Amino acid sequence: MTATTYDTLRAAADSWGLAVMTVVFLILCLWPFRPGARGAADNAANSIFEDDNDGE
């Protein structure tokens, strides 16, 4: 029996798909904790407290 394209892609998705999704998930979870992200995180955290009169 020969493997069809579908069977080949299905096997690749079963074996590597979960690994790729896990790596992407970990990168996205750790991204805010990288050393240069503190300023952007602080700005995002405090942006809800700004109003129209700030900076004038």
C-alpha atoms as a PDB file:
ATOM      1  CA  MET A   1       0.000   0.000   0.000  1.00  0.00           C
ATOM      2  CA  THR A   2       1.457   3.384  -0.957  1.00  0.00           C
ATOM      3  CA  ALA A   3       1.133   6.426   1.253  1.00  0.00           C
ATOM      4  CA  THR A   4      -0.951   9.228  -0.151  1.00  0.00           C
ATOM      5  CA  THR A   5      -0.194  12.884   0.315  1.00  0.00           C
ATOM      6  CA  TYR A   6      -2.932  13.052   2.932  1.00  0.00           C
ATOM      7  CA  ASP A   7      -1.404  10.202   4.927  1.00  0.00           C
ATOM      8  CA  THR A   8       2.024  11.809   4.784  1.00  0.00           C
ATOM      9  CA  LEU A   9       0.739  15.200   5.916  1.00  0.00           C
ATOM     10  CA  ARG A  10      -1.379  13.602   8.628  1.00  0.00           C
ATOM     11  CA  ALA A  11       1.637  11.731   9.995  1.00  0.00           C
ATOM     12  CA  ALA A  12       3.720  14.936   9.987  1.00  0.00           C
ATOM     13  CA  ALA A  13       0.970  16.850  11.781  1.00  0.00           C
ATOM     14  CA  ASP A  14       0.583  14.091  14.362  1.00  0.00           C
ATOM     15  CA  SER A  15       4.272  13.879  15.102  1.00  0.00           C
ATOM     16  CA  TRP A  16       5.538  17.460  14.686  1.00  0.00           C
ATOM     17  CA  GLY A  17       2.391  19.543  14.993  1.00  0.00           C
ATOM     18  CA  LEU A  18       2.134  19.226  18.765  1.00  0.00           C
ATOM     19  CA  ALA A  19       5.838  19.975  19.195  1.00  0.00           C
ATOM     20  CA  VAL A  20       5.612  23.110  17.044  1.00  0.00           C
ATOM     21  CA  MET A  21       2.485  24.343  18.844  1.00  0.00           C
ATOM     22  CA  THR A  22       4.153  23.750  22.224  1.00  0.00           C
ATOM     23  CA  VAL A  23       7.227  25.749  21.222  1.00  0.00           C
ATOM     24  CA  VAL A  24       5.087  28.612  19.890  1.00  0.00           C
ATOM     25  CA  PHE A  25       2.997  28.586  23.086  1.00  0.00           C
ATOM     26  CA  LEU A  26       6.109  28.758  25.277  1.00  0.00           C
ATOM     27  CA  ILE A  27       7.587  31.597  23.221  1.00  0.00           C
ATOM     28  CA  LEU A  28       4.357  33.593  23.459  1.00  0.00           C
ATOM     29  CA  CYS A  29       4.102  32.986  27.211  1.00  0.00           C
ATOM     30  CA  LEU A  30       7.700  34.013  27.864  1.00  0.00           C
ATOM     31  CA  TRP A  31       7.780  36.986  25.440  1.00  0.00           C
ATOM     32  CA  PRO A  32       6.593  39.606  28.003  1.00  0.00           C
ATOM     33  CA  PHE A  33       9.345  38.548  30.420  1.00  0.00           C
ATOM     34  CA  ARG A  34      12.257  39.267  28.101  1.00  0.00           C
ATOM     35  CA  PRO A  35      14.727  41.875  29.411  1.00  0.00           C
ATOM     36  CA  GLY A  36      13.739  44.735  27.087  1.00  0.00           C
ATOM     37  CA  ALA A  37       9.994  44.447  27.591  1.00  0.00           C
ATOM     38  CA  ARG A  38       9.657  46.197  30.948  1.00  0.00           C
ATOM     39  CA  GLY A  39       8.965  49.640  29.466  1.00  0.00           C
ATOM     40  CA  ALA A  40       6.283  48.407  27.096  1.00  0.00           C
ATOM     41  CA  ALA A  41       4.674  46.327  29.846  1.00  0.00           C
ATOM     42  CA  ASP A  42       4.633  49.272  32.248  1.00  0.00           C
ATOM     43  CA  ASN A  43       3.090  51.531  29.599  1.00  0.00           C
ATOM     44  CA  ALA A  44       0.409  48.962  28.833  1.00  0.00           C
ATOM     45  CA  ALA A  45      -0.334  48.384  32.519  1.00  0.00           C
ATOM     46  CA  ASN A  46      -0.711  52.099  33.269  1.00  0.00           C
ATOM     47  CA  SER A  47      -2.493  53.158  30.076  1.00  0.00           C
ATOM     48  CA  ILE A  48      -5.941  52.673  31.617  1.00  0.00           C
ATOM     49  CA  PHE A  49      -5.176  55.397  34.176  1.00  0.00           C
ATOM     50  CA  GLU A  50      -4.409  58.070  31.578  1.00  0.00           C
ATOM     51  CA  ASP A  51      -7.073  60.563  30.634  1.00  0.00           C
ATOM     52  CA  ASP A  52      -7.369  63.407  28.158  1.00  0.00           C
ATOM     53  CA  ASN A  53      -5.486  65.911  30.380  1.00  0.00           C
ATOM     54  CA  ASP A  54      -2.299  63.891  30.826  1.00  0.00           C
ATOM     55  CA  GLY A  55       0.787  65.452  29.338  1.00  0.00           C
ATOM     56  CA  GLU A  56      -0.643  68.951  28.931  1.00  0.00           C
END
